[in-house]
C-alpha cells in the first residue's frame, strides 16, 4: 500500500467516525436506557408488617400471545424472582410498555413472603399474592408500592400490638424535662430528675400506629402547665401529648401517629419550677 492510498484510508476513517457520531450512534446508550423503567416498591401487609426477605416476580402480559420486540430487536422479559430486603423494598429494571411492540403490553407482579413469613401461632405460614389487574410501566422510574400494598395479604392471623411503658423514681427536676426508663432514660439513670435522650429510647418493633398515651404521677402538679408529656419519634415531637396539670394523671386517646419499624420511641415530660410531680409512669400502644 503506497502513502497516497494510506492517506485516503485515514481520511475515509475519520469521515466515517464523524458520520457515526452525528448519526446518533454514540448516544445510543442514552436511547437504549429510555426504553427501560426503574421500578421500585416496598411491600407491607395490611397490618404494617413488611414482606421482609420475600420475593417479587414480574410477568410481561402480551396481547394475543405474540413475541415482544424492543427497539426492533427481540425482547426476553425477566423470569427470575427478585429479592426483597428487610423492609420489603426492591428495585428492578423492566422494559417500558410504551416502547414495546406489539402495543398494549402490561406487567403483572407476584409477591411471596418467603423467609420473611410470620410463623404460627401469630402467622399464616408462607403466602403469595398477585395483582388483580396488570399495570402499565413507563417513564424513567415508577413506584408500584400502592399497587402492591392494595393487594397484599396479611402475614399474621391478627394485628400485632405492643404496649411500650416505663417508669422513673423520685421527684422530677424543677423547670426541666425528664423521661422514663426505656422511653428516654436508662435503667442506671432511672431518676425522674434525669434528662431524657433519644439514644435511650426503644426501637419500634414493627410498622404501627401509636395511640392511647397514659401518664401517671404520685404527686400533683403545681399549676395547670406542669407535666407536659410529649411522645417523640427520633428527634421529632409527635401529636401524642397531654398535660398532668394540677392532677396526678393525663392521657391522649384522641391523636394517633404512624410509626415505622426501627424509629426510636421516647418521651419528654416538662416540669414547672417547684414541681411536685414524682414517680412517673408512662404507657403508649403500638397497634
Protein backbone atom coordinates (compact mmCIF):
# COMPACT_ATOMS: atom_id res chain seq x y z
CA UNK A 1 0.00 0.00 0.00
CA UNK A 2 1.51 3.36 -1.03
CA UNK A 3 1.37 6.53 1.04
CA UNK A 4 -1.31 8.09 -1.18
CA UNK A 5 -3.75 5.18 -0.56
CA UNK A 6 -2.95 5.17 3.15
CA UNK A 7 -3.78 8.88 3.32
CA UNK A 8 -7.17 8.35 1.71
CA UNK A 9 -7.92 5.42 4.02
CA UNK A 10 -7.20 7.65 7.01
CA UNK A 11 -9.43 10.44 5.68
CA UNK A 12 -12.25 7.98 4.99
CA UNK A 13 -11.92 6.54 8.51
CA UNK A 14 -12.16 9.98 10.13
CA UNK A 15 -15.19 10.94 7.99
CA UNK A 16 -16.94 7.66 8.84
CA UNK A 17 -16.26 8.20 12.52
CA UNK A 18 -17.77 11.70 12.35
CA UNK A 19 -20.82 10.47 10.44
CA UNK A 20 -21.45 7.75 13.01
CA UNK A 21 -21.28 10.30 15.80
CA UNK A 22 -23.67 12.76 14.10
CA UNK A 23 -25.99 9.93 13.10
CA UNK A 24 -26.70 9.29 16.76
CA UNK A 25 -24.85 6.02 17.28
CA UNK A 26 -22.72 7.46 20.04
CA UNK A 27 -25.68 8.46 22.20
CA UNK A 28 -27.22 5.02 21.64
CA UNK A 29 -26.70 4.16 25.32
CA UNK A 30 -29.00 7.02 26.31
CA UNK A 31 -31.60 5.98 23.75
CA UNK A 32 -31.47 2.38 24.96
CA UNK A 33 -31.83 3.46 28.58
CA UNK A 34 -35.00 5.35 27.66
CA UNK A 35 -36.57 2.03 26.66
CA UNK A 36 -36.43 0.79 30.26
CA UNK A 37 -38.03 1.86 33.54
CA UNK A 38 -36.54 1.58 37.03
CA UNK A 39 -39.37 0.04 39.08
CA UNK A 40 -39.31 0.38 42.87
CA UNK A 41 -41.62 -0.54 45.72
CA UNK A 42 -41.99 -1.50 49.38
CA UNK A 43 -44.38 -4.33 50.23
CA UNK A 44 -46.15 -4.38 53.61
CA UNK A 45 -49.24 -6.31 54.67
CA UNK A 46 -52.48 -4.68 55.90
CA UNK A 47 -51.14 -4.81 59.48
CA UNK A 48 -47.98 -2.90 58.60
CA UNK A 49 -45.69 -5.97 58.59
CA UNK A 50 -43.07 -5.87 55.80
CA UNK A 51 -42.67 -8.79 53.41
CA UNK A 52 -39.10 -8.96 54.71
CA UNK A 53 -36.70 -11.02 52.59
CA UNK A 54 -39.54 -12.14 50.34
CA UNK A 55 -39.51 -12.23 46.53
CA UNK A 56 -41.23 -10.49 43.62
CA UNK A 57 -41.64 -11.89 40.10
CA UNK A 58 -42.59 -9.74 37.11
CA UNK A 59 -44.61 -11.20 34.21
CA UNK A 60 -44.99 -9.47 30.84
CA UNK A 61 -48.57 -9.72 29.56
CA UNK A 62 -48.74 -9.84 25.75
CA UNK A 63 -51.86 -9.29 23.63
CA UNK A 64 -52.59 -12.40 21.59
CA UNK A 65 -49.53 -14.26 22.84
CA UNK A 66 -47.21 -12.57 20.33
CA UNK A 67 -43.44 -12.28 20.73
CA UNK A 68 -42.29 -8.89 22.06
CA UNK A 69 -39.71 -6.63 20.48
CA UNK A 70 -37.92 -3.61 21.92
CA UNK A 71 -36.25 -1.13 19.62
CA UNK A 72 -36.78 -3.53 16.74
CA UNK A 73 -34.99 -6.40 18.48
CA UNK A 74 -36.45 -9.45 20.25
CA UNK A 75 -37.01 -8.82 23.95
CA UNK A 76 -36.83 -11.55 26.59
CA UNK A 77 -38.54 -10.43 29.81
CA UNK A 78 -37.01 -11.38 33.18
CA UNK A 79 -38.39 -14.53 34.78
CA UNK A 80 -36.27 -14.95 37.93
CA UNK A 81 -37.54 -13.78 41.34
CA UNK A 82 -36.03 -10.58 42.72
CA UNK A 83 -35.35 -10.49 46.44
CA UNK A 84 -36.97 -8.01 48.84
CA UNK A 85 -34.81 -6.54 51.60
CA UNK A 86 -35.56 -6.50 55.32
CA UNK A 87 -38.05 -3.65 54.87
CA UNK A 88 -39.82 -5.35 51.94
CA UNK A 89 -38.25 -2.98 49.38
CA UNK A 90 -36.89 -3.76 45.90
CA UNK A 91 -35.58 -2.22 42.68
CA UNK A 92 -35.87 -3.84 39.25
CA UNK A 93 -35.43 -2.68 35.64
CA UNK A 94 -38.21 -3.54 33.18
CA UNK A 95 -38.98 -2.66 29.59
CA UNK A 96 -41.19 0.42 29.20
CA UNK A 97 -44.60 -0.80 27.98
CA UNK A 98 -44.91 2.22 25.69
CA UNK A 99 -41.67 1.20 23.94
CA UNK A 100 -42.54 -2.47 23.47
CA UNK A 101 -44.14 -3.95 20.39
CA UNK A 102 -46.83 -5.03 19.85
CA UNK A 103 -48.67 -2.21 21.58
CA UNK A 104 -50.88 -2.85 24.58
CA UNK A 105 -48.44 -4.86 26.73
CA UNK A 106 -48.63 -4.64 30.52
CA UNK A 107 -46.81 -6.08 33.53
CA UNK A 108 -48.13 -8.13 36.42
CA UNK A 109 -46.38 -8.98 39.66
CA UNK A 110 -46.44 -11.85 42.15
CA UNK A 111 -45.03 -11.36 45.66
CA UNK A 112 -44.25 -14.19 48.09
CA UNK A 113 -43.36 -13.82 51.75
CA UNK A 114 -40.61 -16.47 51.65
CA UNK A 115 -38.39 -16.45 54.76
CA UNK A 116 -39.97 -13.20 55.91
CA UNK A 117 -43.13 -15.11 56.87
CA UNK A 118 -44.53 -14.63 60.37
CA UNK A 119 -44.79 -18.19 61.61
CA UNK A 120 -47.74 -19.68 63.58
CA UNK A 121 -49.27 -19.11 66.07
CA UNK A 122 -49.13 -15.45 65.10
CA UNK A 123 -48.63 -16.09 61.39
CA UNK A 124 -50.28 -17.72 58.41
CA UNK A 125 -47.24 -19.50 57.02
CA UNK A 126 -45.92 -18.67 53.51
CA UNK A 127 -48.28 -16.51 51.46
CA UNK A 128 -48.20 -15.21 47.88
CA UNK A 129 -50.36 -12.69 46.06
CA UNK A 130 -50.69 -11.34 42.51
CA UNK A 131 -52.11 -8.02 41.33
CA UNK A 132 -55.76 -8.41 40.33
CA UNK A 133 -55.09 -6.46 37.12
CA UNK A 134 -51.82 -5.90 35.22
CA UNK A 135 -50.44 -2.36 35.15
CA UNK A 136 -48.57 -0.22 32.63
CA UNK A 137 -44.93 0.51 33.42
CA UNK A 138 -43.44 3.57 31.70
CA UNK A 139 -41.11 6.52 32.15
CA UNK A 140 -37.68 6.79 33.70
CA UNK A 141 -38.82 5.42 37.07
CA UNK A 142 -42.05 4.25 38.67
CA UNK A 143 -43.06 3.22 42.18
CA UNK A 144 -45.63 0.44 42.44
CA UNK A 145 -45.84 0.45 46.25
CA UNK A 146 -49.51 1.50 46.29
CA UNK A 147 -50.49 -1.17 43.73
CA UNK A 148 -48.78 -3.93 45.66
CA UNK A 149 -49.95 -2.92 49.13
CA UNK A 150 -53.56 -2.70 47.95
CA UNK A 151 -53.35 -6.40 47.04
CA UNK A 152 -51.03 -7.63 49.81
CA UNK A 153 -52.31 -10.45 52.01
CA UNK A 154 -51.95 -10.35 55.79
CA UNK A 155 -48.90 -12.20 57.10
CA UNK A 156 -50.43 -12.72 60.55
CA UNK A 157 -53.79 -14.00 61.73
CA UNK A 158 -54.18 -10.98 63.98
CA UNK A 159 -52.83 -7.46 64.14
CA UNK A 160 -49.67 -7.28 66.18
CA UNK A 161 -49.88 -4.86 69.09
CA UNK A 162 -47.30 -3.75 71.64
CA UNK A 163 -47.63 -1.55 74.68
CA UNK A 164 -44.49 0.40 75.47
CA UNK A 165 -44.14 1.54 79.07
CA UNK A 166 -41.64 2.86 81.56
CA UNK A 167 -41.26 4.48 84.97
CA UNK A 168 -38.91 6.78 86.85
CA UNK A 169 -38.41 7.30 90.58
CA UNK A 170 -38.23 10.34 92.82
CA UNK A 171 -39.28 13.94 92.24
CA UNK A 172 -38.98 15.42 88.77
CA UNK A 173 -36.32 18.06 88.22
CA UNK A 174 -37.77 21.56 88.56
CA UNK A 175 -38.04 23.71 85.44
CA UNK A 176 -36.58 20.89 83.35
CA UNK A 177 -37.56 17.80 81.38
CA UNK A 178 -37.42 14.12 82.23
CA UNK A 179 -38.37 10.80 80.72
CA UNK A 180 -38.93 7.26 81.96
CA UNK A 181 -36.78 4.13 81.79
CA UNK A 182 -36.73 2.67 78.25
CA UNK A 183 -38.50 5.76 76.91
CA UNK A 184 -35.72 8.31 77.31
CA UNK A 185 -33.87 7.10 80.41
CA UNK A 186 -31.57 4.13 81.01
CA UNK A 187 -32.16 1.81 83.98
CA UNK A 188 -28.94 3.18 85.51
CA UNK A 189 -30.30 6.73 85.37
CA UNK A 190 -33.91 5.96 86.27
CA UNK A 191 -34.40 9.03 88.42
CA UNK A 192 -37.18 11.43 87.47
CA UNK A 193 -34.59 14.17 87.93
CA UNK A 194 -32.61 12.90 84.92
CA UNK A 195 -33.00 14.47 81.45
CA UNK A 196 -34.28 12.23 78.62
CA UNK A 197 -32.39 11.43 75.42
CA UNK A 198 -33.35 9.90 72.07
CA UNK A 199 -30.47 7.42 72.37
CA UNK A 200 -32.18 5.97 75.47
CA UNK A 201 -35.44 5.33 73.64
CA UNK A 202 -36.74 1.97 72.43
CA UNK A 203 -36.74 0.97 68.74
CA UNK A 204 -40.22 0.40 67.29
CA UNK A 205 -40.58 -3.33 66.58
CA UNK A 206 -42.89 -3.09 63.53
CA UNK A 207 -44.76 -0.53 61.47
CA UNK A 208 -47.69 0.52 63.60
CA UNK A 209 -49.94 3.31 64.82
CA UNK A 210 -49.09 4.87 68.17
CA UNK A 211 -52.12 5.67 70.32
CA UNK A 212 -53.54 5.82 73.84
CA UNK A 213 -50.88 7.75 75.73
CA UNK A 214 -51.27 7.40 79.51
CA UNK A 215 -49.18 9.23 82.15
CA UNK A 216 -49.38 8.85 85.94
CA UNK A 217 -47.69 10.71 88.81
CA UNK A 218 -47.65 10.00 92.55
CA UNK A 219 -47.63 13.75 93.24
CA UNK A 220 -49.86 16.53 91.95
CA UNK A 221 -48.57 19.24 89.65
CA UNK A 222 -48.03 22.78 90.92
CA UNK A 223 -50.04 24.51 88.17
CA UNK A 224 -52.05 23.86 85.01
CA UNK A 225 -48.90 23.77 82.86
CA UNK A 226 -46.97 21.27 84.95
CA UNK A 227 -46.04 17.90 83.42
CA UNK A 228 -46.41 18.39 79.66
CA UNK A 229 -45.76 14.90 78.29
CA UNK A 230 -44.90 14.52 74.59
CA UNK A 231 -44.19 11.29 72.71
CA UNK A 232 -41.18 11.60 70.38
CA UNK A 233 -40.02 9.59 67.38
CA UNK A 234 -36.33 10.01 66.68
CA UNK A 235 -35.63 13.74 67.09
CA UNK A 236 -39.17 14.94 66.36
CA UNK A 237 -42.15 15.61 68.61
CA UNK A 238 -45.46 13.94 67.73
CA UNK A 239 -49.12 14.88 68.16
CA UNK A 240 -49.42 12.45 71.11
CA UNK A 241 -49.26 14.76 74.11
CA UNK A 242 -51.04 15.52 77.39
CA UNK A 243 -50.56 17.70 80.46
CA UNK A 244 -50.83 16.46 84.05
CA UNK A 245 -51.50 19.96 85.39
CA UNK A 246 -52.76 20.08 88.97
CA UNK A 247 -53.87 16.44 88.88
CA UNK A 248 -51.93 13.19 89.03
CA UNK A 249 -52.56 11.83 85.54
CA UNK A 250 -53.25 12.71 81.93
CA UNK A 251 -53.98 10.89 78.69
CA UNK A 252 -54.29 11.41 74.96
CA UNK A 253 -56.76 8.96 73.44
CA UNK A 254 -57.60 11.26 70.52
CA UNK A 255 -54.45 11.53 68.45
CA UNK A 256 -52.65 8.76 66.57
CA UNK A 257 -49.20 8.75 64.99
CA UNK A 258 -47.78 6.45 62.29
CA UNK A 259 -44.51 4.83 63.36
CA UNK A 260 -42.01 2.87 61.29
CA UNK A 261 -40.01 -0.13 62.45
CA UNK A 262 -36.63 0.98 63.80
CA UNK A 263 -37.61 4.51 64.82
CA UNK A 264 -36.57 5.50 68.35
CA UNK A 265 -39.59 5.96 70.67
CA UNK A 266 -39.16 8.09 73.79
CA UNK A 267 -40.98 10.71 75.86
CA UNK A 268 -40.21 14.17 77.21
CA UNK A 269 -42.06 15.39 80.30
CA UNK A 270 -41.60 19.10 81.05
CA UNK A 271 -41.93 20.11 84.70
CA UNK A 272 -42.53 23.59 86.11
CA UNK A 273 -40.43 25.31 88.78
CA UNK A 274 -41.11 23.93 92.27
CA UNK A 275 -42.85 20.90 90.74
CA UNK A 276 -44.02 18.07 92.97
CA UNK A 277 -44.52 15.55 90.18
CA UNK A 278 -42.87 12.27 91.16
CA UNK A 279 -42.60 8.56 90.41
CA UNK A 280 -43.88 8.91 86.86
CA UNK A 281 -45.26 6.03 84.81
CA UNK A 282 -45.99 6.11 81.06
CA UNK A 283 -47.60 3.74 78.58
CA UNK A 284 -48.39 4.04 74.86
CA UNK A 285 -49.84 1.46 72.46
CA UNK A 286 -48.27 0.46 69.15
CA UNK A 287 -51.15 -1.07 67.19
